[in-house]
N, C-alpha and C. Protein backbone atom coordinates (compact mmCIF):
# COMPACT_ATOMS: atom_id res chain seq x y z
N MET A 1 7.69 -27.98 2.84
CA MET A 1 6.46 -28.41 3.42
C MET A 1 5.84 -27.37 4.36
N GLU A 2 6.73 -26.69 5.12
CA GLU A 2 6.32 -25.64 6.04
C GLU A 2 5.66 -24.45 5.33
N CYS A 3 6.26 -24.20 4.16
CA CYS A 3 5.71 -23.12 3.39
C CYS A 3 4.24 -23.36 2.94
N ILE A 4 3.98 -24.55 2.53
CA ILE A 4 2.67 -25.02 2.12
C ILE A 4 1.73 -24.97 3.27
N ASP A 5 2.16 -25.37 4.46
CA ASP A 5 1.31 -25.35 5.66
C ASP A 5 1.00 -23.87 5.98
N SER A 6 1.95 -23.05 5.83
CA SER A 6 1.77 -21.57 6.19
C SER A 6 0.76 -20.96 5.22
N PHE A 7 0.81 -21.37 3.87
CA PHE A 7 -0.08 -20.95 2.88
C PHE A 7 -1.50 -21.33 3.20
N TYR A 8 -1.72 -22.58 3.60
CA TYR A 8 -3.03 -23.03 3.95
C TYR A 8 -3.56 -22.42 5.21
N MET A 9 -2.71 -22.14 6.23
CA MET A 9 -3.01 -21.53 7.40
C MET A 9 -3.43 -20.02 7.13
N PHE A 10 -2.65 -19.36 6.30
CA PHE A 10 -3.01 -18.06 5.82
C PHE A 10 -4.28 -17.96 5.17
N ARG A 11 -4.54 -18.91 4.24
CA ARG A 11 -5.86 -18.91 3.58
C ARG A 11 -7.01 -19.21 4.56
N TYR A 12 -6.77 -20.04 5.46
CA TYR A 12 -7.84 -20.43 6.44
C TYR A 12 -8.12 -19.29 7.44
N ASN A 13 -7.05 -18.64 7.84
CA ASN A 13 -7.22 -17.54 8.80
C ASN A 13 -7.92 -16.35 8.21
N LEU A 14 -7.71 -16.07 6.95
CA LEU A 14 -8.34 -14.93 6.32
C LEU A 14 -9.61 -15.29 5.61
N GLY A 15 -9.93 -16.54 5.65
CA GLY A 15 -11.17 -17.03 4.99
C GLY A 15 -11.13 -16.69 3.54
N MET A 16 -10.05 -16.82 2.88
CA MET A 16 -9.93 -16.45 1.51
C MET A 16 -10.01 -17.62 0.56
N SER A 17 -10.57 -17.44 -0.59
CA SER A 17 -10.60 -18.40 -1.72
C SER A 17 -9.25 -18.37 -2.39
N ILE A 18 -9.04 -19.38 -3.23
CA ILE A 18 -7.75 -19.41 -3.95
C ILE A 18 -7.62 -18.31 -4.86
N VAL A 19 -8.73 -17.84 -5.39
CA VAL A 19 -8.72 -16.62 -6.26
C VAL A 19 -8.15 -15.40 -5.48
N ALA A 20 -8.65 -15.29 -4.23
CA ALA A 20 -8.22 -14.15 -3.42
C ALA A 20 -6.79 -14.25 -3.08
N VAL A 21 -6.25 -15.43 -2.85
CA VAL A 21 -4.85 -15.68 -2.59
C VAL A 21 -4.03 -15.34 -3.83
N ILE A 22 -4.48 -15.69 -4.95
CA ILE A 22 -3.81 -15.37 -6.17
C ILE A 22 -3.85 -13.73 -6.35
N LEU A 23 -4.90 -13.23 -6.13
CA LEU A 23 -4.94 -11.72 -6.25
C LEU A 23 -3.96 -11.11 -5.27
N CYS A 24 -3.85 -11.57 -4.14
CA CYS A 24 -2.89 -10.96 -3.13
C CYS A 24 -1.42 -11.21 -3.72
N CYS A 25 -1.13 -12.37 -4.23
CA CYS A 25 0.19 -12.74 -4.77
C CYS A 25 0.51 -11.76 -5.92
N VAL A 26 -0.50 -11.42 -6.77
CA VAL A 26 -0.31 -10.47 -7.82
C VAL A 26 0.03 -9.06 -7.33
N VAL A 27 -0.73 -8.70 -6.36
CA VAL A 27 -0.52 -7.43 -5.75
C VAL A 27 0.82 -7.31 -5.06
N LEU A 28 1.23 -8.39 -4.36
CA LEU A 28 2.53 -8.40 -3.83
C LEU A 28 3.66 -8.23 -4.85
N ALA A 29 3.50 -9.00 -5.98
CA ALA A 29 4.48 -8.92 -7.07
C ALA A 29 4.57 -7.53 -7.59
N CYS A 30 3.41 -6.86 -7.80
CA CYS A 30 3.38 -5.54 -8.23
C CYS A 30 4.03 -4.54 -7.31
N LEU A 31 3.89 -4.79 -5.95
CA LEU A 31 4.42 -3.91 -4.92
C LEU A 31 5.92 -4.02 -4.96
N VAL A 32 6.44 -5.24 -5.12
CA VAL A 32 7.93 -5.40 -5.25
C VAL A 32 8.43 -4.67 -6.50
N ALA A 33 7.69 -4.80 -7.58
CA ALA A 33 8.16 -4.12 -8.83
C ALA A 33 8.15 -2.64 -8.68
N ILE A 34 7.06 -2.12 -8.06
CA ILE A 34 6.90 -0.76 -7.87
C ILE A 34 8.00 -0.17 -6.91
N ALA A 35 8.28 -0.84 -5.80
CA ALA A 35 9.40 -0.48 -4.95
C ALA A 35 10.73 -0.37 -5.61
N TRP A 36 11.05 -1.37 -6.48
CA TRP A 36 12.27 -1.41 -7.17
C TRP A 36 12.37 -0.26 -8.19
N ALA A 37 11.32 -0.14 -8.94
CA ALA A 37 11.21 0.91 -9.99
C ALA A 37 11.34 2.30 -9.46
N ASP A 38 10.62 2.57 -8.31
CA ASP A 38 10.57 3.95 -7.80
C ASP A 38 11.97 4.21 -7.07
N HIS A 39 12.49 3.25 -6.50
CA HIS A 39 13.82 3.41 -5.95
C HIS A 39 14.87 3.70 -6.99
N LYS A 40 14.80 3.06 -8.06
CA LYS A 40 15.81 3.31 -9.15
C LYS A 40 15.59 4.50 -9.96
N THR A 41 14.27 4.79 -10.24
CA THR A 41 14.00 5.82 -11.25
C THR A 41 13.22 7.05 -10.73
N MET A 42 12.69 6.93 -9.43
CA MET A 42 11.82 7.90 -8.81
C MET A 42 10.48 8.15 -9.58
N GLU A 43 10.11 7.02 -10.33
CA GLU A 43 8.86 7.06 -11.04
C GLU A 43 8.22 5.69 -10.70
N ILE A 44 6.87 5.63 -10.66
CA ILE A 44 6.04 4.48 -10.56
C ILE A 44 5.36 4.30 -11.87
N PRO A 45 5.65 3.14 -12.53
CA PRO A 45 5.01 2.81 -13.80
C PRO A 45 3.48 2.62 -13.61
N ASP A 46 2.72 3.31 -14.43
CA ASP A 46 1.20 3.18 -14.38
C ASP A 46 0.81 1.73 -14.49
N ARG A 47 1.45 0.94 -15.26
CA ARG A 47 0.98 -0.42 -15.49
C ARG A 47 0.81 -1.25 -14.19
N PHE A 48 1.65 -0.89 -13.23
CA PHE A 48 1.59 -1.72 -11.90
C PHE A 48 0.48 -1.15 -11.10
N ASN A 49 0.19 0.21 -11.08
CA ASN A 49 -0.97 0.70 -10.48
C ASN A 49 -2.29 0.26 -11.04
N ILE A 50 -2.31 0.13 -12.40
CA ILE A 50 -3.44 -0.38 -13.10
C ILE A 50 -3.68 -1.94 -12.68
N ALA A 51 -2.58 -2.60 -12.60
CA ALA A 51 -2.71 -4.07 -12.20
C ALA A 51 -3.36 -4.19 -10.76
N ILE A 52 -2.86 -3.37 -9.82
CA ILE A 52 -3.38 -3.37 -8.45
C ILE A 52 -4.84 -2.91 -8.46
N ALA A 53 -5.11 -1.95 -9.24
CA ALA A 53 -6.52 -1.51 -9.34
C ALA A 53 -7.42 -2.64 -9.94
N ALA A 54 -6.93 -3.28 -10.98
CA ALA A 54 -7.65 -4.41 -11.54
C ALA A 54 -7.88 -5.57 -10.53
N CYS A 55 -6.87 -5.78 -9.75
CA CYS A 55 -7.05 -6.79 -8.62
C CYS A 55 -8.07 -6.34 -7.57
N GLY A 56 -8.07 -5.00 -7.46
CA GLY A 56 -9.17 -4.41 -6.51
C GLY A 56 -10.55 -4.70 -7.05
N VAL A 57 -10.74 -4.52 -8.36
CA VAL A 57 -12.07 -4.76 -8.95
C VAL A 57 -12.38 -6.23 -8.82
N ALA A 58 -11.47 -7.09 -9.14
CA ALA A 58 -11.71 -8.60 -8.97
C ALA A 58 -11.88 -8.90 -7.49
N ALA A 59 -11.22 -8.19 -6.61
CA ALA A 59 -11.37 -8.53 -5.18
C ALA A 59 -12.81 -8.15 -4.66
N ILE A 60 -13.52 -7.37 -5.35
CA ILE A 60 -14.92 -7.02 -4.94
C ILE A 60 -15.76 -8.35 -5.04
N PHE A 61 -15.46 -9.22 -5.87
CA PHE A 61 -16.13 -10.50 -6.01
C PHE A 61 -15.45 -11.72 -5.21
N ALA A 62 -14.18 -11.64 -5.17
CA ALA A 62 -13.28 -12.66 -4.53
C ALA A 62 -13.13 -12.48 -3.08
N MET A 63 -13.27 -11.25 -2.59
CA MET A 63 -13.16 -10.95 -1.09
C MET A 63 -14.32 -10.18 -0.64
N PRO A 64 -15.54 -10.80 -0.53
CA PRO A 64 -16.68 -10.07 -0.29
C PRO A 64 -16.80 -9.47 1.09
N GLY A 65 -15.81 -9.80 1.89
CA GLY A 65 -15.80 -9.25 3.35
C GLY A 65 -15.68 -7.77 3.32
N ILE A 66 -15.10 -7.17 2.31
CA ILE A 66 -14.89 -5.67 2.13
C ILE A 66 -15.83 -5.27 1.12
N GLY A 67 -16.78 -4.40 1.43
CA GLY A 67 -17.78 -4.02 0.47
C GLY A 67 -17.27 -2.92 -0.49
N LEU A 68 -18.06 -2.76 -1.57
CA LEU A 68 -17.72 -1.77 -2.55
C LEU A 68 -17.60 -0.32 -1.97
N SER A 69 -18.51 0.04 -0.99
CA SER A 69 -18.45 1.35 -0.41
C SER A 69 -17.19 1.51 0.35
N ASP A 70 -16.84 0.46 1.13
CA ASP A 70 -15.55 0.53 1.90
C ASP A 70 -14.29 0.64 0.94
N ARG A 71 -14.42 0.08 -0.19
CA ARG A 71 -13.27 0.22 -1.22
C ARG A 71 -13.22 1.56 -1.77
N LEU A 72 -14.45 2.17 -2.13
CA LEU A 72 -14.46 3.47 -2.70
C LEU A 72 -14.00 4.56 -1.67
N ILE A 73 -14.40 4.32 -0.37
CA ILE A 73 -13.87 5.29 0.66
C ILE A 73 -12.41 5.12 0.80
N GLY A 74 -12.00 3.81 0.59
CA GLY A 74 -10.50 3.64 0.68
C GLY A 74 -9.68 4.42 -0.26
N ILE A 75 -10.22 4.51 -1.50
CA ILE A 75 -9.55 5.41 -2.51
C ILE A 75 -9.51 6.90 -1.96
N ALA A 76 -10.60 7.33 -1.49
CA ALA A 76 -10.65 8.68 -1.00
C ALA A 76 -9.81 9.06 0.18
N VAL A 77 -9.80 8.15 1.15
CA VAL A 77 -9.08 8.52 2.46
C VAL A 77 -7.61 8.50 2.28
N ALA A 78 -7.07 7.77 1.25
CA ALA A 78 -5.64 7.73 1.18
C ALA A 78 -5.17 8.67 -0.05
N ALA A 79 -5.82 8.56 -1.20
CA ALA A 79 -5.42 9.30 -2.36
C ALA A 79 -5.63 10.80 -2.29
N VAL A 80 -6.83 11.11 -1.71
CA VAL A 80 -7.11 12.57 -1.72
C VAL A 80 -6.26 13.35 -0.91
N PRO A 81 -5.89 12.94 0.38
CA PRO A 81 -4.86 13.75 1.11
C PRO A 81 -3.49 13.83 0.41
N LEU A 82 -3.11 12.76 -0.23
CA LEU A 82 -1.77 12.76 -0.93
C LEU A 82 -1.88 13.68 -2.07
N LEU A 83 -2.97 13.65 -2.78
CA LEU A 83 -3.30 14.59 -3.96
C LEU A 83 -3.22 16.01 -3.59
N VAL A 84 -3.95 16.32 -2.53
CA VAL A 84 -4.01 17.66 -2.01
C VAL A 84 -2.56 18.20 -1.63
N THR A 85 -1.83 17.36 -0.95
CA THR A 85 -0.53 17.70 -0.53
C THR A 85 0.40 17.82 -1.73
N ALA A 86 0.32 16.91 -2.67
CA ALA A 86 1.16 17.02 -3.92
C ALA A 86 0.80 18.33 -4.61
N ILE A 87 -0.37 18.79 -4.66
CA ILE A 87 -0.75 20.00 -5.36
C ILE A 87 -0.29 21.26 -4.53
N LEU A 88 -0.49 21.24 -3.33
CA LEU A 88 -0.15 22.39 -2.48
C LEU A 88 1.33 22.60 -2.19
N ILE A 89 2.02 21.47 -2.07
CA ILE A 89 3.44 21.54 -1.72
C ILE A 89 4.24 20.87 -2.81
N ASP A 90 4.89 21.69 -3.58
CA ASP A 90 5.65 21.19 -4.78
C ASP A 90 6.66 20.11 -4.40
N GLY A 91 6.51 18.96 -5.00
CA GLY A 91 7.52 17.90 -4.72
C GLY A 91 7.32 17.16 -3.46
N ALA A 92 6.20 17.27 -2.75
CA ALA A 92 5.97 16.63 -1.50
C ALA A 92 5.69 15.08 -1.84
N PHE A 93 4.79 14.85 -2.79
CA PHE A 93 4.58 13.51 -3.26
C PHE A 93 4.50 13.46 -4.73
N GLY A 94 4.84 12.40 -5.34
CA GLY A 94 4.58 12.35 -6.79
C GLY A 94 3.30 11.84 -7.07
N PHE A 95 2.75 12.03 -8.30
CA PHE A 95 1.43 11.49 -8.61
C PHE A 95 1.35 10.03 -8.72
N GLY A 96 2.53 9.40 -9.00
CA GLY A 96 2.50 7.95 -8.83
C GLY A 96 2.15 7.41 -7.44
N ASP A 97 2.63 8.09 -6.45
CA ASP A 97 2.24 7.71 -5.07
C ASP A 97 0.80 7.88 -4.83
N VAL A 98 0.24 8.92 -5.45
CA VAL A 98 -1.28 9.15 -5.31
C VAL A 98 -2.06 8.06 -5.99
N LYS A 99 -1.58 7.74 -7.18
CA LYS A 99 -2.25 6.64 -7.94
C LYS A 99 -2.07 5.24 -7.19
N LEU A 100 -0.90 5.04 -6.68
CA LEU A 100 -0.64 3.84 -5.87
C LEU A 100 -1.58 3.68 -4.68
N MET A 101 -1.83 4.71 -4.00
CA MET A 101 -2.73 4.60 -2.85
C MET A 101 -4.24 4.52 -3.24
N ALA A 102 -4.47 5.13 -4.41
CA ALA A 102 -5.88 5.03 -5.00
C ALA A 102 -6.11 3.53 -5.25
N ALA A 103 -5.26 2.86 -5.97
CA ALA A 103 -5.30 1.53 -6.35
C ALA A 103 -5.38 0.61 -5.08
N ALA A 104 -4.51 0.95 -4.00
CA ALA A 104 -4.47 0.27 -2.82
C ALA A 104 -5.78 0.38 -2.09
N GLY A 105 -6.41 1.49 -2.09
CA GLY A 105 -7.64 1.77 -1.50
C GLY A 105 -8.80 0.91 -2.10
N LEU A 106 -8.76 0.71 -3.41
CA LEU A 106 -9.63 -0.18 -4.07
C LEU A 106 -9.51 -1.57 -3.67
N PHE A 107 -8.26 -1.97 -3.48
CA PHE A 107 -8.00 -3.38 -3.13
C PHE A 107 -8.22 -3.63 -1.68
N LEU A 108 -7.84 -2.71 -0.77
CA LEU A 108 -7.78 -2.99 0.63
C LEU A 108 -9.09 -2.53 1.36
N GLY A 109 -9.67 -1.52 0.87
CA GLY A 109 -10.80 -0.93 1.66
C GLY A 109 -10.16 0.14 2.55
N TRP A 110 -11.13 0.97 3.19
CA TRP A 110 -10.61 2.15 3.84
C TRP A 110 -9.84 1.84 5.15
N GLN A 111 -10.26 0.84 5.96
CA GLN A 111 -9.55 0.56 7.18
C GLN A 111 -8.11 0.15 6.99
N HIS A 112 -7.98 -0.84 6.16
CA HIS A 112 -6.57 -1.26 5.84
C HIS A 112 -5.75 -0.34 5.02
N CYS A 113 -6.40 0.53 4.24
CA CYS A 113 -5.67 1.56 3.46
C CYS A 113 -5.12 2.62 4.44
N LEU A 114 -5.89 2.92 5.46
CA LEU A 114 -5.37 3.88 6.45
C LEU A 114 -4.15 3.32 7.20
N VAL A 115 -4.19 1.96 7.44
CA VAL A 115 -3.01 1.27 8.08
C VAL A 115 -1.87 1.40 7.12
N ALA A 116 -2.14 1.11 5.83
CA ALA A 116 -1.09 1.17 4.84
C ALA A 116 -0.44 2.52 4.80
N LEU A 117 -1.29 3.57 4.75
CA LEU A 117 -0.78 4.98 4.76
C LEU A 117 0.00 5.30 5.92
N PHE A 118 -0.52 4.93 7.11
CA PHE A 118 0.16 5.24 8.37
C PHE A 118 1.55 4.56 8.51
N VAL A 119 1.56 3.24 8.14
CA VAL A 119 2.85 2.51 8.16
C VAL A 119 3.80 3.09 7.10
N GLY A 120 3.29 3.37 5.91
CA GLY A 120 4.18 4.02 4.95
C GLY A 120 4.72 5.36 5.25
N ILE A 121 3.94 6.19 5.92
CA ILE A 121 4.41 7.51 6.30
C ILE A 121 5.41 7.40 7.49
N VAL A 122 5.25 6.39 8.41
CA VAL A 122 6.22 6.20 9.50
C VAL A 122 7.52 5.65 8.89
N ILE A 123 7.43 4.79 7.94
CA ILE A 123 8.70 4.20 7.38
C ILE A 123 9.35 5.23 6.54
N GLY A 124 8.60 5.96 5.68
CA GLY A 124 9.22 7.05 4.86
C GLY A 124 9.80 8.11 5.70
N GLY A 125 9.14 8.49 6.73
CA GLY A 125 9.60 9.58 7.62
C GLY A 125 10.91 9.14 8.31
N ALA A 126 10.97 7.90 8.67
CA ALA A 126 12.19 7.35 9.42
C ALA A 126 13.23 7.32 8.37
N TYR A 127 13.02 6.80 7.22
CA TYR A 127 14.04 6.77 6.12
C TYR A 127 14.54 8.23 5.83
N GLY A 128 13.61 9.15 5.67
CA GLY A 128 14.03 10.49 5.41
C GLY A 128 14.83 11.18 6.41
N ALA A 129 14.50 10.89 7.73
CA ALA A 129 15.30 11.32 8.82
C ALA A 129 16.69 10.67 8.86
N PHE A 130 16.75 9.48 8.50
CA PHE A 130 18.07 8.74 8.37
C PHE A 130 18.96 9.42 7.19
N LEU A 131 18.33 9.66 6.12
CA LEU A 131 19.04 10.37 4.96
C LEU A 131 19.53 11.76 5.44
N LEU A 132 18.71 12.45 6.23
CA LEU A 132 19.18 13.76 6.67
C LEU A 132 20.33 13.64 7.68
N ILE A 133 20.14 12.76 8.65
CA ILE A 133 21.17 12.63 9.77
C ILE A 133 22.54 12.22 9.19
N THR A 134 22.50 11.32 8.20
CA THR A 134 23.71 10.80 7.55
C THR A 134 24.24 11.69 6.53
N ARG A 135 23.49 12.75 6.24
CA ARG A 135 23.83 13.75 5.25
C ARG A 135 23.92 13.25 3.81
N LYS A 136 23.21 12.20 3.56
CA LYS A 136 23.07 11.59 2.16
C LYS A 136 22.13 12.43 1.34
N LYS A 137 21.19 13.14 2.04
CA LYS A 137 20.31 14.02 1.36
C LYS A 137 20.12 15.30 2.20
N GLY A 138 19.80 16.37 1.60
CA GLY A 138 19.57 17.64 2.13
C GLY A 138 18.01 17.85 2.32
N ARG A 139 17.70 18.92 2.97
CA ARG A 139 16.32 19.22 3.17
C ARG A 139 15.51 19.44 1.93
N ALA A 140 16.10 19.97 0.89
CA ALA A 140 15.42 20.21 -0.34
C ALA A 140 15.49 19.08 -1.36
N ASP A 141 16.18 18.03 -1.01
CA ASP A 141 16.35 16.76 -1.83
C ASP A 141 15.12 15.93 -1.78
N HIS A 142 14.83 15.22 -2.76
CA HIS A 142 13.68 14.30 -2.85
C HIS A 142 14.23 12.78 -2.71
N PHE A 143 13.33 11.97 -2.24
CA PHE A 143 13.70 10.51 -2.25
C PHE A 143 12.44 9.78 -2.60
N ALA A 144 12.60 8.52 -3.06
CA ALA A 144 11.44 7.66 -3.43
C ALA A 144 10.60 7.35 -2.21
N PHE A 145 9.38 7.71 -2.30
CA PHE A 145 8.43 7.40 -1.12
C PHE A 145 7.59 6.10 -1.47
N GLY A 146 7.62 5.74 -2.72
CA GLY A 146 6.89 4.54 -3.06
C GLY A 146 7.27 3.27 -2.44
N PRO A 147 8.59 2.96 -2.19
CA PRO A 147 8.86 1.76 -1.47
C PRO A 147 8.38 1.79 -0.05
N ALA A 148 8.25 2.83 0.55
CA ALA A 148 7.66 2.91 2.01
C ALA A 148 6.11 2.59 1.94
N LEU A 149 5.52 3.15 0.94
CA LEU A 149 4.14 2.90 0.76
C LEU A 149 3.82 1.40 0.38
N CYS A 150 4.72 0.90 -0.37
CA CYS A 150 4.60 -0.55 -0.71
C CYS A 150 4.71 -1.45 0.53
N VAL A 151 5.67 -1.09 1.41
CA VAL A 151 5.73 -1.89 2.62
C VAL A 151 4.47 -1.72 3.45
N GLY A 152 3.97 -0.50 3.53
CA GLY A 152 2.73 -0.23 4.24
C GLY A 152 1.62 -0.98 3.78
N ILE A 153 1.49 -1.13 2.39
CA ILE A 153 0.40 -1.86 1.74
C ILE A 153 0.47 -3.37 2.19
N GLY A 154 1.81 -3.89 2.03
CA GLY A 154 2.07 -5.21 2.37
C GLY A 154 1.71 -5.57 3.77
N VAL A 155 2.06 -4.68 4.74
CA VAL A 155 1.71 -4.85 6.18
C VAL A 155 0.29 -4.87 6.36
N ALA A 156 -0.38 -3.92 5.70
CA ALA A 156 -1.84 -3.90 5.75
C ALA A 156 -2.60 -5.14 5.22
N MET A 157 -2.01 -5.66 4.15
CA MET A 157 -2.62 -6.92 3.63
C MET A 157 -2.56 -7.99 4.56
N PHE A 158 -1.41 -8.22 5.36
CA PHE A 158 -1.29 -9.33 6.19
C PHE A 158 -1.54 -9.09 7.66
N ALA A 159 -1.46 -7.87 8.11
CA ALA A 159 -1.67 -7.56 9.56
C ALA A 159 -2.49 -6.37 9.76
N GLY A 160 -3.32 -6.03 8.87
CA GLY A 160 -4.17 -4.83 8.92
C GLY A 160 -5.13 -4.95 10.09
N ASP A 161 -5.76 -6.06 10.25
CA ASP A 161 -6.73 -6.33 11.29
C ASP A 161 -5.95 -6.25 12.71
N ASP A 162 -4.82 -6.82 12.78
CA ASP A 162 -4.07 -6.75 14.00
C ASP A 162 -3.57 -5.30 14.36
N VAL A 163 -3.10 -4.54 13.43
CA VAL A 163 -2.66 -3.25 13.64
C VAL A 163 -3.93 -2.43 13.98
N THR A 164 -5.04 -2.52 13.39
CA THR A 164 -6.18 -1.70 13.74
C THR A 164 -6.70 -2.07 15.15
N GLY A 165 -6.72 -3.39 15.46
CA GLY A 165 -7.16 -3.80 16.76
C GLY A 165 -6.19 -3.32 17.83
N TRP A 166 -4.90 -3.25 17.54
CA TRP A 166 -3.92 -2.72 18.59
C TRP A 166 -4.16 -1.27 18.74
N TYR A 167 -4.36 -0.49 17.64
CA TYR A 167 -4.53 0.87 17.75
C TYR A 167 -5.83 1.23 18.49
N ILE A 168 -6.90 0.58 18.16
CA ILE A 168 -8.17 0.85 18.92
C ILE A 168 -8.01 0.54 20.47
N GLY A 169 -7.16 -0.47 20.73
CA GLY A 169 -7.05 -0.82 22.08
C GLY A 169 -6.12 0.06 22.85
N VAL A 170 -5.34 0.93 22.17
CA VAL A 170 -4.38 1.78 22.91
C VAL A 170 -5.05 2.93 23.58
């Protein structure tokens, strides 16, 4: 019963329709699948990025609080820096990470996408530091960055406004 109450409170607080809640659930399911697949194979299947992008297109109508221009800017502010970094620094990011953040930008809009990218980079950096300190990986080794980005996207979905408000207030 508490879960149902939380669902309705979540929906009420975000002013979301049932369609928007379903889209969020689909995106969350894709993020879990992406995190698992990337952790195991170091590859992000395109079908999950396409599903998140499709949810982003549907969200244009189901979540009108974020405009189309904010969503298009969201694609650019997250995917373009990752793409440039992936091109300039061999092995820095995979192109699956770039596509994931492009799809997330379409779904979240630019403000929440920046939160997602920031949280993902902090988590990924902390995990990378842990791997180096424990000598599980060396400086030249790669690790899956997608799970960190997925956590960042999840945080942005549920606490993006709070994180943005906190940052602006600092």
